[in-house]
Amino acid sequence: MQFPTSSTTTIRNAFTVDVEEYFQVEAFSDFIKKEDWDKYPSRVEQQTGRLLDILASFQVRGTFFILGWLAERNPGLVTAIHQRGHEIASHGYDHTMVTKMNKEEFRKDIRKTKEILERITNEEVRGYRAPTFSILEKTSWAYEILLEEGYRYSSSVFPIYHDRYGWPGFGSEPRVMAKGGNSEICEVPMSTRSLGPLIIPFAGGGYLRAYPWFLTKVLFDDSNNGGNPVIVYIHPWELDLHHPEIEASFFKKIRHYHGLSSTEKKLECLLKAWKFDTVANFVRICKIK
C-alpha cells in the first residue's frame, strides 16, 4: 500500500463499527440459539445512538458494518446511521462465520444482506466484514463470490493466530484478492504491529478494552509515523455497561465484559488524537496492489 506521508498530509485512519447486539457475539453462540434472539431485550439502537453522537462531536465519519437480521427489524436505525453521513456496509445476515458456511450458503447470506441494506438506503453497498473476522486462508474462496455479488472491498482478515480466527501469513498490507472484467475486490486487514517476533493486534474490540491506553497510543503512533493508517473497530454493546449478563463459561464472560467501563473514555481519546474516515475513502485514496 502506498499512502501520502509528507509533513503536510495528515493520515486518515479508518473508523469502523460492527453493528450487532450483545447476545449475537460468537463467544455466546454455544449458549444462545439464533431462534431465541428475539426473546432478548434489544439494546443496539440506544447504544448506536450514543456512538453516533460521540462521532458527531468529533466530526468523524465511519463505516458501519450492519447485520441484515438487525436491519430487517430496525430499518430506522440503518436510516439514522446513513443520514448522519456514515458508510453503510454488510456484516452478513445473522453473524454466521464464513467457516461455518459452504459457498452457496455464503452467496445467499451476502446477497440477502446487501439487498436489505440497499433497499433501506437506496445506495450501493460496497463493503463487507465477515462475522468474527472469519475469512481465513481456507475460506479465501469468499473473495470471488463477494466480487460476483457486487462488493468491492472486504475488511475481514486479522493477520494473527487466534483460537477463533486469523490468517497469520496474510501480512499487514491491503491487497487485491480477486479480479473480474473491469472490477476487483481488495482486502483491508485489521491492524497489527510487530514487536520482535510477536505480532500484536490492537485498536479495536477486546484489544482496545484490555490494553492500557499508553500501549494503544504507542502502537497507533508507531503505525501512523510509519505512514500506515490504522483500522479501528468497535461494537455498540461495548459502550453499554448495563446490558444483561449472559450465562456462559467464565473465560467467555471475561472476554466479553472485561474493560467495558473504559471503552468510552478510550474511544474519545482515539477520536481526539487522530483523524478518521470511512473504509471506502481509505480504499479510494490508497494505491492497493
C-alpha atoms as a PDB file:
ATOM      1  CA  MET A   1       0.000   0.000   0.000  1.00  0.00           C
ATOM      2  CA  GLN A   2       1.222   3.479  -0.841  1.00  0.00           C
ATOM      3  CA  PHE A   3      -0.077   6.380   1.190  1.00  0.00           C
ATOM      4  CA  PRO A   4       0.948  10.058   1.200  1.00  0.00           C
ATOM      5  CA  THR A   5       3.361  10.691   4.067  1.00  0.00           C
ATOM      6  CA  SER A   6       4.546  14.278   3.561  1.00  0.00           C
ATOM      7  CA  SER A   7       4.661  16.613   6.528  1.00  0.00           C
ATOM      8  CA  THR A   8       1.652  18.482   5.121  1.00  0.00           C
ATOM      9  CA  THR A   9      -0.515  15.364   4.992  1.00  0.00           C
ATOM     10  CA  THR A  10      -2.476  14.101   7.968  1.00  0.00           C
ATOM     11  CA  ILE A  11      -3.055  10.363   7.794  1.00  0.00           C
ATOM     12  CA  ARG A  12      -6.720   9.441   7.909  1.00  0.00           C
ATOM     13  CA  ASN A  13      -7.310   6.165   9.665  1.00  0.00           C
ATOM     14  CA  ALA A  14     -10.491   4.141   9.175  1.00  0.00           C
ATOM     15  CA  PHE A  15     -13.160   4.047  11.878  1.00  0.00           C
ATOM     16  CA  THR A  16     -15.474   1.046  11.751  1.00  0.00           C
ATOM     17  CA  VAL A  17     -18.411  -0.250  13.760  1.00  0.00           C
ATOM     18  CA  ASP A  18     -19.710  -3.822  13.784  1.00  0.00           C
ATOM     19  CA  VAL A  19     -23.407  -3.284  14.449  1.00  0.00           C
ATOM     20  CA  GLU A  20     -24.680  -6.277  16.383  1.00  0.00           C
ATOM     21  CA  GLU A  21     -26.476  -6.993  19.651  1.00  0.00           C
ATOM     22  CA  TYR A  22     -24.685  -8.139  22.795  1.00  0.00           C
ATOM     23  CA  PHE A  23     -26.314 -11.577  22.500  1.00  0.00           C
ATOM     24  CA  GLN A  24     -25.156 -12.113  18.901  1.00  0.00           C
ATOM     25  CA  VAL A  25     -21.420 -12.323  19.531  1.00  0.00           C
ATOM     26  CA  GLU A  26     -19.685 -15.561  18.604  1.00  0.00           C
ATOM     27  CA  ALA A  27     -18.485 -16.098  22.173  1.00  0.00           C
ATOM     28  CA  PHE A  28     -22.088 -16.777  23.214  1.00  0.00           C
ATOM     29  CA  SER A  29     -23.119 -18.865  20.196  1.00  0.00           C
ATOM     30  CA  ASP A  30     -22.903 -22.101  22.201  1.00  0.00           C
ATOM     31  CA  PHE A  31     -25.247 -20.693  24.857  1.00  0.00           C
ATOM     32  CA  ILE A  32     -27.813 -18.730  22.820  1.00  0.00           C
ATOM     33  CA  LYS A  33     -29.690 -20.182  19.859  1.00  0.00           C
ATOM     34  CA  LYS A  34     -30.387 -17.866  16.958  1.00  0.00           C
ATOM     35  CA  GLU A  35     -34.054 -18.775  17.018  1.00  0.00           C
ATOM     36  CA  ASP A  36     -34.137 -17.330  20.559  1.00  0.00           C
ATOM     37  CA  TRP A  37     -32.603 -13.961  19.665  1.00  0.00           C
ATOM     38  CA  ASP A  38     -35.979 -12.227  19.580  1.00  0.00           C
ATOM     39  CA  LYS A  39     -36.510 -13.206  23.228  1.00  0.00           C
ATOM     40  CA  TYR A  40     -33.636 -10.998  24.406  1.00  0.00           C
ATOM     41  CA  PRO A  41     -34.120  -7.272  25.048  1.00  0.00           C
ATOM     42  CA  SER A  42     -32.682  -5.188  22.231  1.00  0.00           C
ATOM     43  CA  ARG A  43     -30.196  -2.509  23.250  1.00  0.00           C
ATOM     44  CA  VAL A  44     -28.441  -1.790  19.958  1.00  0.00           C
ATOM     45  CA  GLU A  45     -30.468   1.281  18.968  1.00  0.00           C
ATOM     46  CA  GLN A  46     -29.718   3.212  22.146  1.00  0.00           C
ATOM     47  CA  GLN A  47     -26.002   2.396  22.168  1.00  0.00           C
ATOM     48  CA  THR A  48     -25.574   3.059  18.454  1.00  0.00           C
ATOM     49  CA  GLY A  49     -27.259   6.407  19.025  1.00  0.00           C
ATOM     50  CA  ARG A  50     -24.707   7.222  21.725  1.00  0.00           C
ATOM     51  CA  LEU A  51     -21.913   6.228  19.396  1.00  0.00           C
ATOM     52  CA  LEU A  52     -23.307   8.408  16.610  1.00  0.00           C
ATOM     53  CA  ASP A  53     -23.410  11.379  18.977  1.00  0.00           C
ATOM     54  CA  ILE A  54     -19.813  10.807  20.056  1.00  0.00           C
ATOM     55  CA  LEU A  55     -18.629  10.589  16.438  1.00  0.00           C
ATOM     56  CA  ALA A  56     -20.564  13.749  15.574  1.00  0.00           C
ATOM     57  CA  SER A  57     -18.911  15.647  18.417  1.00  0.00           C
ATOM     58  CA  PHE A  58     -15.524  14.902  16.818  1.00  0.00           C
ATOM     59  CA  GLN A  59     -16.806  15.363  13.239  1.00  0.00           C
ATOM     60  CA  VAL A  60     -15.865  11.793  12.333  1.00  0.00           C
ATOM     61  CA  ARG A  61     -17.477   9.696   9.632  1.00  0.00           C
ATOM     62  CA  GLY A  62     -17.014   5.941   9.707  1.00  0.00           C
ATOM     63  CA  THR A  63     -18.151   2.670   8.192  1.00  0.00           C
ATOM     64  CA  PHE A  64     -20.941   0.728   9.918  1.00  0.00           C
ATOM     65  CA  PHE A  65     -20.962  -2.986   9.110  1.00  0.00           C
ATOM     66  CA  ILE A  66     -24.568  -3.967   9.847  1.00  0.00           C
ATOM     67  CA  LEU A  67     -26.199  -7.373  10.240  1.00  0.00           C
ATOM     68  CA  GLY A  68     -29.070  -7.971   7.824  1.00  0.00           C
ATOM     69  CA  TRP A  69     -31.058  -9.542  10.665  1.00  0.00           C
ATOM     70  CA  LEU A  70     -30.921  -6.255  12.582  1.00  0.00           C
ATOM     71  CA  ALA A  71     -31.595  -4.119   9.526  1.00  0.00           C
ATOM     72  CA  GLU A  72     -34.800  -6.063   8.784  1.00  0.00           C
ATOM     73  CA  ARG A  73     -36.087  -5.473  12.302  1.00  0.00           C
ATOM     74  CA  ASN A  74     -34.885  -1.911  12.678  1.00  0.00           C
ATOM     75  CA  PRO A  75     -34.623  -0.146   9.315  1.00  0.00           C
ATOM     76  CA  GLY A  76     -34.900   3.170  11.128  1.00  0.00           C
ATOM     77  CA  LEU A  77     -31.532   2.530  12.761  1.00  0.00           C
ATOM     78  CA  VAL A  78     -29.892   1.988   9.369  1.00  0.00           C
ATOM     79  CA  THR A  79     -31.528   5.168   8.085  1.00  0.00           C
ATOM     80  CA  ALA A  80     -30.304   7.143  11.112  1.00  0.00           C
ATOM     81  CA  ILE A  81     -26.712   5.966  10.565  1.00  0.00           C
ATOM     82  CA  HIS A  82     -26.905   6.740   6.856  1.00  0.00           C
ATOM     83  CA  GLN A  83     -28.406  10.193   7.387  1.00  0.00           C
ATOM     84  CA  ARG A  84     -25.519  11.088   9.694  1.00  0.00           C
ATOM     85  CA  GLY A  85     -23.199  10.654   6.703  1.00  0.00           C
ATOM     86  CA  HIS A  86     -21.666   7.302   7.585  1.00  0.00           C
ATOM     87  CA  GLU A  87     -20.963   4.496   5.133  1.00  0.00           C
ATOM     88  CA  ILE A  88     -23.323   1.520   5.302  1.00  0.00           C
ATOM     89  CA  ALA A  89     -21.693  -1.878   4.739  1.00  0.00           C
ATOM     90  CA  SER A  90     -22.544  -5.547   5.254  1.00  0.00           C
ATOM     91  CA  HIS A  91     -21.720  -7.704   8.262  1.00  0.00           C
ATOM     92  CA  GLY A  92     -23.573 -10.703   6.854  1.00  0.00           C
ATOM     93  CA  TYR A  93     -27.139 -11.623   7.715  1.00  0.00           C
ATOM     94  CA  ASP A  94     -27.114 -13.398  11.085  1.00  0.00           C
ATOM     95  CA  HIS A  95     -23.484 -13.378  12.215  1.00  0.00           C
ATOM     96  CA  THR A  96     -22.703 -16.837  10.852  1.00  0.00           C
ATOM     97  CA  MET A  97     -18.965 -17.252  10.425  1.00  0.00           C
ATOM     98  CA  VAL A  98     -17.760 -17.917   6.878  1.00  0.00           C
ATOM     99  CA  THR A  99     -16.046 -21.038   8.206  1.00  0.00           C
ATOM    100  CA  LYS A 100     -19.499 -22.433   9.066  1.00  0.00           C
ATOM    101  CA  MET A 101     -20.965 -21.924   5.566  1.00  0.00           C
ATOM    102  CA  ASN A 102     -20.453 -23.548   2.199  1.00  0.00           C
ATOM    103  CA  LYS A 103     -20.105 -21.433  -0.928  1.00  0.00           C
ATOM    104  CA  GLU A 104     -23.790 -21.373  -1.812  1.00  0.00           C
ATOM    105  CA  GLU A 105     -24.848 -20.532   1.751  1.00  0.00           C
ATOM    106  CA  PHE A 106     -22.308 -17.727   1.793  1.00  0.00           C
ATOM    107  CA  ARG A 107     -23.577 -16.331  -1.508  1.00  0.00           C
ATOM    108  CA  LYS A 108     -27.166 -16.305  -0.244  1.00  0.00           C
ATOM    109  CA  ASP A 109     -26.078 -14.655   3.017  1.00  0.00           C
ATOM    110  CA  ILE A 110     -24.183 -11.754   1.468  1.00  0.00           C
ATOM    111  CA  ARG A 111     -26.717 -11.249  -1.341  1.00  0.00           C
ATOM    112  CA  LYS A 112     -29.645 -11.086   1.091  1.00  0.00           C
ATOM    113  CA  THR A 113     -27.900  -8.622   3.383  1.00  0.00           C
ATOM    114  CA  LYS A 114     -26.817  -6.378   0.512  1.00  0.00           C
ATOM    115  CA  GLU A 115     -30.378  -6.271  -0.830  1.00  0.00           C
ATOM    116  CA  ILE A 116     -31.814  -5.397   2.602  1.00  0.00           C
ATOM    117  CA  LEU A 117     -29.341  -2.562   3.225  1.00  0.00           C
ATOM    118  CA  GLU A 118     -29.627  -1.131  -0.286  1.00  0.00           C
ATOM    119  CA  ARG A 119     -33.412  -1.179  -0.117  1.00  0.00           C
ATOM    120  CA  ILE A 120     -33.292   0.905   3.074  1.00  0.00           C
ATOM    121  CA  THR A 121     -30.631   3.408   1.978  1.00  0.00           C
ATOM    122  CA  ASN A 122     -31.224   3.436  -1.785  1.00  0.00           C
ATOM    123  CA  GLU A 123     -27.446   3.412  -2.102  1.00  0.00           C
ATOM    124  CA  GLU A 124     -24.970   0.780  -3.267  1.00  0.00           C
ATOM    125  CA  VAL A 125     -23.293  -1.316  -0.577  1.00  0.00           C
ATOM    126  CA  ARG A 126     -19.669  -1.950  -1.493  1.00  0.00           C
ATOM    127  CA  GLY A 127     -18.073  -3.128   1.754  1.00  0.00           C
ATOM    128  CA  TYR A 128     -18.192  -6.355   3.736  1.00  0.00           C
ATOM    129  CA  ARG A 129     -16.817  -7.585   7.040  1.00  0.00           C
ATOM    130  CA  ALA A 130     -17.077 -11.269   7.868  1.00  0.00           C
ATOM    131  CA  PRO A 131     -18.518 -12.061  11.296  1.00  0.00           C
ATOM    132  CA  THR A 132     -15.685 -12.784  13.734  1.00  0.00           C
ATOM    133  CA  PHE A 133     -13.097 -11.977  11.023  1.00  0.00           C
ATOM    134  CA  SER A 134     -13.760 -15.419   9.570  1.00  0.00           C
ATOM    135  CA  ILE A 135     -12.133 -15.057   6.180  1.00  0.00           C
ATOM    136  CA  LEU A 136      -9.103 -17.275   6.625  1.00  0.00           C
ATOM    137  CA  GLU A 137      -6.746 -18.776   4.092  1.00  0.00           C
ATOM    138  CA  LYS A 138      -9.047 -21.805   3.833  1.00  0.00           C
ATOM    139  CA  THR A 139     -12.089 -19.580   3.186  1.00  0.00           C
ATOM    140  CA  SER A 140     -10.375 -17.242   0.715  1.00  0.00           C
ATOM    141  CA  TRP A 141     -12.814 -18.589  -1.900  1.00  0.00           C
ATOM    142  CA  ALA A 142     -15.145 -15.955  -0.443  1.00  0.00           C
ATOM    143  CA  TYR A 143     -13.485 -13.149  -2.428  1.00  0.00           C
ATOM    144  CA  GLU A 144     -14.598 -14.454  -5.815  1.00  0.00           C
ATOM    145  CA  ILE A 145     -18.179 -14.669  -4.567  1.00  0.00           C
ATOM    146  CA  LEU A 146     -18.052 -11.228  -2.967  1.00  0.00           C
ATOM    147  CA  LEU A 147     -16.811  -9.773  -6.246  1.00  0.00           C
ATOM    148  CA  GLU A 148     -19.536 -11.523  -8.227  1.00  0.00           C
ATOM    149  CA  GLU A 149     -22.179 -10.194  -5.827  1.00  0.00           C
ATOM    150  CA  GLY A 150     -21.076  -6.598  -6.274  1.00  0.00           C
ATOM    151  CA  TYR A 151     -18.827  -5.987  -3.282  1.00  0.00           C
ATOM    152  CA  ARG A 152     -15.614  -4.061  -3.866  1.00  0.00           C
ATOM    153  CA  TYR A 153     -13.752  -4.385  -0.600  1.00  0.00           C
ATOM    154  CA  SER A 154     -13.615  -6.566   2.486  1.00  0.00           C
ATOM    155  CA  SER A 155     -12.184  -5.859   5.929  1.00  0.00           C
ATOM    156  CA  SER A 156     -12.390  -9.387   7.270  1.00  0.00           C
ATOM    157  CA  VAL A 157      -8.862 -10.645   7.938  1.00  0.00           C
ATOM    158  CA  PHE A 158      -6.939 -10.471  11.184  1.00  0.00           C
ATOM    159  CA  PRO A 159      -3.341 -11.436  10.338  1.00  0.00           C
ATOM    160  CA  ILE A 160      -2.702 -13.157  13.696  1.00  0.00           C
ATOM    161  CA  TYR A 161      -3.013 -16.516  15.428  1.00  0.00           C
ATOM    162  CA  HIS A 162      -6.259 -16.780  17.383  1.00  0.00           C
ATOM    163  CA  ASP A 163      -8.472 -19.602  18.609  1.00  0.00           C
ATOM    164  CA  ARG A 164     -11.472 -18.419  16.542  1.00  0.00           C
ATOM    165  CA  TYR A 165      -9.957 -16.560  13.595  1.00  0.00           C
ATOM    166  CA  GLY A 166      -6.747 -15.431  11.980  1.00  0.00           C
ATOM    167  CA  TRP A 167      -4.709 -15.584   8.783  1.00  0.00           C
ATOM    168  CA  PRO A 168      -1.173 -15.085  10.122  1.00  0.00           C
ATOM    169  CA  GLY A 169       0.513 -15.228   6.734  1.00  0.00           C
ATOM    170  CA  PHE A 170      -1.638 -12.530   5.160  1.00  0.00           C
ATOM    171  CA  GLY A 171       0.533  -9.630   6.286  1.00  0.00           C
ATOM    172  CA  SER A 172      -0.463  -6.110   7.239  1.00  0.00           C
ATOM    173  CA  GLU A 173      -0.847  -4.543   3.790  1.00  0.00           C
ATOM    174  CA  PRO A 174      -4.172  -4.222   1.925  1.00  0.00           C
ATOM    175  CA  ARG A 175      -4.181  -6.047  -1.388  1.00  0.00           C
ATOM    176  CA  VAL A 176      -6.381  -7.031  -4.308  1.00  0.00           C
ATOM    177  CA  MET A 177      -7.812 -10.523  -3.807  1.00  0.00           C
ATOM    178  CA  ALA A 178      -9.862 -11.136  -6.971  1.00  0.00           C
ATOM    179  CA  LYS A 179     -10.492  -9.520 -10.359  1.00  0.00           C
ATOM    180  CA  GLY A 180     -13.242  -9.910 -12.924  1.00  0.00           C
ATOM    181  CA  GLY A 181     -13.813  -7.798 -16.018  1.00  0.00           C
ATOM    182  CA  ASN A 182     -13.202  -4.199 -15.009  1.00  0.00           C
ATOM    183  CA  SER A 183     -13.864  -4.870 -11.320  1.00  0.00           C
ATOM    184  CA  GLU A 184     -11.770  -6.043  -8.409  1.00  0.00           C
ATOM    185  CA  ILE A 185     -12.099  -6.603  -4.703  1.00  0.00           C
ATOM    186  CA  CYS A 186      -9.453  -5.792  -2.126  1.00  0.00           C
ATOM    187  CA  GLU A 187      -8.935  -6.886   1.459  1.00  0.00           C
ATOM    188  CA  VAL A 188      -8.149  -4.274   4.112  1.00  0.00           C
ATOM    189  CA  PRO A 189      -6.789  -6.332   7.033  1.00  0.00           C
ATOM    190  CA  MET A 190      -7.142  -5.370  10.655  1.00  0.00           C
ATOM    191  CA  SER A 191      -4.278  -3.501  12.242  1.00  0.00           C
ATOM    192  CA  THR A 192      -1.286  -5.134  13.921  1.00  0.00           C
ATOM    193  CA  ARG A 193       2.243  -4.077  14.842  1.00  0.00           C
ATOM    194  CA  SER A 194       5.377  -6.151  15.183  1.00  0.00           C
ATOM    195  CA  LEU A 195       7.266  -6.350  18.458  1.00  0.00           C
ATOM    196  CA  GLY A 196      10.253  -8.561  17.765  1.00  0.00           C
ATOM    197  CA  PRO A 197       8.826 -11.932  16.746  1.00  0.00           C
ATOM    198  CA  LEU A 198       5.393 -11.019  18.122  1.00  0.00           C
ATOM    199  CA  ILE A 199       2.524  -9.700  16.009  1.00  0.00           C
ATOM    200  CA  ILE A 200       0.300  -7.579  18.232  1.00  0.00           C
ATOM    201  CA  PRO A 201      -3.340  -6.838  17.315  1.00  0.00           C
ATOM    202  CA  PHE A 202      -4.703  -3.534  18.567  1.00  0.00           C
ATOM    203  CA  ALA A 203      -7.101  -0.614  18.064  1.00  0.00           C
ATOM    204  CA  GLY A 204     -10.398  -2.349  18.449  1.00  0.00           C
ATOM    205  CA  GLY A 205     -12.795  -4.569  20.336  1.00  0.00           C
ATOM    206  CA  GLY A 206     -11.388  -6.554  23.209  1.00  0.00           C
ATOM    207  CA  TYR A 207      -7.862  -5.342  22.459  1.00  0.00           C
ATOM    208  CA  LEU A 208      -8.867  -1.724  22.954  1.00  0.00           C
ATOM    209  CA  ARG A 209     -10.690  -2.620  26.170  1.00  0.00           C
ATOM    210  CA  ALA A 210      -7.897  -4.796  27.582  1.00  0.00           C
ATOM    211  CA  TYR A 211      -4.791  -2.793  26.711  1.00  0.00           C
ATOM    212  CA  PRO A 212      -3.695   0.122  28.880  1.00  0.00           C
ATOM    213  CA  TRP A 213      -4.118   3.381  26.996  1.00  0.00           C
ATOM    214  CA  PHE A 214      -0.397   4.073  26.763  1.00  0.00           C
ATOM    215  CA  LEU A 215       0.159   0.818  24.840  1.00  0.00           C
ATOM    216  CA  THR A 216      -2.609   1.582  22.345  1.00  0.00           C
ATOM    217  CA  LYS A 217      -1.171   5.071  21.860  1.00  0.00           C
ATOM    218  CA  VAL A 218       2.356   3.769  21.281  1.00  0.00           C
ATOM    219  CA  LEU A 219       1.169   1.225  18.715  1.00  0.00           C
ATOM    220  CA  PHE A 220      -1.079   3.772  16.994  1.00  0.00           C
ATOM    221  CA  ASP A 221       1.664   6.411  16.823  1.00  0.00           C
ATOM    222  CA  ASP A 222       4.157   3.860  15.568  1.00  0.00           C
ATOM    223  CA  SER A 223       1.792   2.923  12.743  1.00  0.00           C
ATOM    224  CA  ASN A 224       0.931   6.462  11.690  1.00  0.00           C
ATOM    225  CA  ASN A 225       4.504   7.712  11.987  1.00  0.00           C
ATOM    226  CA  GLY A 226       5.489   4.947   9.594  1.00  0.00           C
ATOM    227  CA  GLY A 227       2.833   6.085   7.115  1.00  0.00           C
ATOM    228  CA  ASN A 228       0.405   3.270   7.915  1.00  0.00           C
ATOM    229  CA  PRO A 229      -3.274   4.067   8.601  1.00  0.00           C
ATOM    230  CA  VAL A 230      -4.971   2.104  11.371  1.00  0.00           C
ATOM    231  CA  ILE A 231      -8.303   0.276  11.154  1.00  0.00           C
ATOM    232  CA  VAL A 232     -10.270   0.877  14.364  1.00  0.00           C
ATOM    233  CA  TYR A 233     -13.334  -1.211  15.168  1.00  0.00           C
ATOM    234  CA  ILE A 234     -15.881  -1.185  17.957  1.00  0.00           C
ATOM    235  CA  HIS A 235     -19.287  -2.698  18.779  1.00  0.00           C
ATOM    236  CA  PRO A 236     -22.201  -0.673  20.177  1.00  0.00           C
ATOM    237  CA  TRP A 237     -22.549  -3.066  23.134  1.00  0.00           C
ATOM    238  CA  GLU A 238     -19.013  -2.126  24.234  1.00  0.00           C
ATOM    239  CA  LEU A 239     -20.422   1.232  25.343  1.00  0.00           C
ATOM    240  CA  ASP A 240     -23.174  -0.449  27.352  1.00  0.00           C
ATOM    241  CA  LEU A 241     -22.173  -1.074  30.962  1.00  0.00           C
ATOM    242  CA  HIS A 242     -25.601  -2.406  31.884  1.00  0.00           C
ATOM    243  CA  HIS A 243     -26.530  -4.890  29.178  1.00  0.00           C
ATOM    244  CA  PRO A 244     -27.779  -8.218  30.556  1.00  0.00           C
ATOM    245  CA  GLU A 245     -25.251 -10.771  31.729  1.00  0.00           C
ATOM    246  CA  ILE A 246     -25.273 -13.906  29.619  1.00  0.00           C
ATOM    247  CA  GLU A 247     -24.903 -17.269  31.326  1.00  0.00           C
ATOM    248  CA  ALA A 248     -21.744 -18.584  29.706  1.00  0.00           C
ATOM    249  CA  SER A 249     -18.394 -20.055  30.657  1.00  0.00           C
ATOM    250  CA  PHE A 250     -16.125 -17.974  32.885  1.00  0.00           C
ATOM    251  CA  PHE A 251     -13.497 -17.410  30.195  1.00  0.00           C
ATOM    252  CA  LYS A 252     -16.029 -16.283  27.595  1.00  0.00           C
ATOM    253  CA  LYS A 253     -17.667 -13.905  30.036  1.00  0.00           C
ATOM    254  CA  ILE A 254     -14.272 -12.409  30.853  1.00  0.00           C
ATOM    255  CA  ARG A 255     -13.625 -11.859  27.136  1.00  0.00           C
ATOM    256  CA  HIS A 256     -16.948 -10.138  26.659  1.00  0.00           C
ATOM    257  CA  TYR A 257     -17.272  -7.992  29.772  1.00  0.00           C
ATOM    258  CA  HIS A 258     -13.667  -7.114  30.627  1.00  0.00           C
ATOM    259  CA  GLY A 259     -12.834  -3.440  30.249  1.00  0.00           C
ATOM    260  CA  LEU A 260     -16.303  -2.196  29.309  1.00  0.00           C
ATOM    261  CA  SER A 261     -16.025   0.650  31.792  1.00  0.00           C
ATOM    262  CA  SER A 262     -13.000   2.036  29.920  1.00  0.00           C
ATOM    263  CA  THR A 263     -14.375   1.853  26.380  1.00  0.00           C
ATOM    264  CA  GLU A 264     -15.976   5.284  26.062  1.00  0.00           C
ATOM    265  CA  LYS A 265     -13.024   7.163  27.525  1.00  0.00           C
ATOM    266  CA  LYS A 266     -10.542   5.323  25.300  1.00  0.00           C
ATOM    267  CA  LEU A 267     -12.769   5.901  22.295  1.00  0.00           C
ATOM    268  CA  GLU A 268     -12.858   9.634  22.933  1.00  0.00           C
ATOM    269  CA  CYS A 269      -9.073   9.670  23.321  1.00  0.00           C
ATOM    270  CA  LEU A 270      -8.733   7.960  19.941  1.00  0.00           C
ATOM    271  CA  LEU A 271     -11.066  10.401  18.234  1.00  0.00           C
ATOM    272  CA  LYS A 272      -9.323  13.393  19.793  1.00  0.00           C
ATOM    273  CA  ALA A 273      -5.787  12.249  18.931  1.00  0.00           C
ATOM    274  CA  TRP A 274      -6.120  11.058  15.315  1.00  0.00           C
ATOM    275  CA  LYS A 275      -8.070  11.629  12.108  1.00  0.00           C
ATOM    276  CA  PHE A 276     -10.579   9.095  10.775  1.00  0.00           C
ATOM    277  CA  ASP A 277     -12.679   8.399   7.704  1.00  0.00           C
ATOM    278  CA  THR A 278     -14.676   5.598   6.092  1.00  0.00           C
ATOM    279  CA  VAL A 279     -13.131   2.416   4.725  1.00  0.00           C
ATOM    280  CA  ALA A 280     -14.474   3.312   1.270  1.00  0.00           C
ATOM    281  CA  ASN A 281     -12.474   6.553   1.295  1.00  0.00           C
ATOM    282  CA  PHE A 282      -9.449   4.726   2.671  1.00  0.00           C
ATOM    283  CA  VAL A 283      -9.613   2.327  -0.292  1.00  0.00           C
ATOM    284  CA  ARG A 284     -10.170   5.183  -2.722  1.00  0.00           C
ATOM    285  CA  ILE A 285      -7.086   7.098  -1.540  1.00  0.00           C
ATOM    286  CA  CYS A 286      -4.701   4.161  -1.206  1.00  0.00           C
ATOM    287  CA  LYS A 287      -2.996   2.512  -4.143  1.00  0.00           C
ATOM    288  CA  ILE A 288      -3.560  -1.146  -3.424  1.00  0.00           C
ATOM    289  CA  LYS A 289      -1.581  -3.756  -5.319  1.00  0.00           C
END
